[in-house]
Amino acid sequence: MSLVKTWYTPEKAADKFGIKLSQLMEWVEAGLVRAEKEADEVVQVNIDDVRIEVEAMVGRS
């Protein structure tokens, strides 16, 4: 059992890392960030995947 919260709403995940929601959704659509959907709407994203993409984005800068 994980002691750390790993799934966040897209809005909270974007706020947590200071990125635009549109950027996060691009990563979801590209399959870079795992997401849980309900009726084709993204309701949660995996924060570990978001962290990896943010680190990669910062590394490219």
Protein backbone atom coordinates (compact mmCIF):
# COMPACT_ATOMS: atom_id res chain seq x y z
CA MET A 1 0.00 0.00 0.00
CA SER A 2 1.33 3.39 -0.99
CA LEU A 3 1.52 6.05 1.70
CA VAL A 4 1.72 8.83 -0.87
CA LYS A 5 -1.21 10.08 -2.90
CA THR A 6 -0.52 9.18 -6.54
CA TRP A 7 -3.69 10.24 -8.33
CA TYR A 8 -4.80 13.86 -8.58
CA THR A 9 -7.42 15.73 -10.53
CA PRO A 10 -5.87 17.32 -13.62
CA GLU A 11 -6.38 20.79 -12.18
CA LYS A 12 -4.65 19.98 -8.88
CA ALA A 13 -1.78 18.23 -10.67
CA ALA A 14 -1.23 21.23 -12.96
CA ASP A 15 -1.33 23.59 -9.97
CA LYS A 16 1.07 21.41 -7.98
CA PHE A 17 3.75 21.73 -10.66
CA GLY A 18 2.89 25.20 -11.94
CA ILE A 19 2.12 24.03 -15.47
CA LYS A 20 -0.78 24.83 -17.74
CA LEU A 21 -3.68 22.41 -17.76
CA SER A 22 -3.47 22.32 -21.56
CA GLN A 23 0.14 21.06 -21.35
CA LEU A 24 -0.89 18.31 -18.95
CA MET A 25 -3.75 17.25 -21.20
CA GLU A 26 -1.36 17.08 -24.18
CA TRP A 27 0.79 14.62 -22.19
CA VAL A 28 -2.30 12.56 -21.37
CA GLU A 29 -3.36 12.47 -25.03
CA ALA A 30 0.17 11.48 -26.07
CA GLY A 31 0.10 8.60 -23.58
CA LEU A 32 2.91 10.05 -21.48
CA VAL A 33 0.75 10.47 -18.37
CA ARG A 34 -1.63 7.75 -17.20
CA ALA A 35 -5.16 8.92 -16.61
CA GLU A 36 -8.45 7.62 -15.33
CA LYS A 37 -11.43 8.63 -17.43
CA GLU A 38 -15.15 8.68 -16.86
CA ALA A 39 -17.35 9.13 -19.92
CA ASP A 40 -14.33 10.23 -22.01
CA GLU A 41 -13.44 12.93 -19.46
CA VAL A 42 -10.11 12.80 -17.63
CA VAL A 43 -10.89 12.78 -13.91
CA GLN A 44 -7.51 11.79 -12.43
CA VAL A 45 -3.89 11.70 -13.54
CA ASN A 46 -0.91 9.85 -12.13
CA ILE A 47 1.28 12.39 -10.35
CA ASP A 48 4.45 10.29 -10.77
CA ASP A 49 4.03 10.42 -14.55
CA VAL A 50 3.44 14.19 -14.38
CA ARG A 51 6.61 14.60 -12.29
CA ILE A 52 8.65 12.69 -14.89
CA GLU A 53 7.36 14.88 -17.72
CA VAL A 54 7.97 18.11 -15.78
CA GLU A 55 11.54 17.01 -15.01
CA ALA A 56 12.08 16.18 -18.69
CA MET A 57 10.65 19.56 -19.73
CA VAL A 58 12.93 21.40 -17.29
CA GLY A 59 15.92 19.36 -18.47
CA ARG A 60 15.26 20.43 -22.08
CA SER A 61 15.21 24.11 -21.14
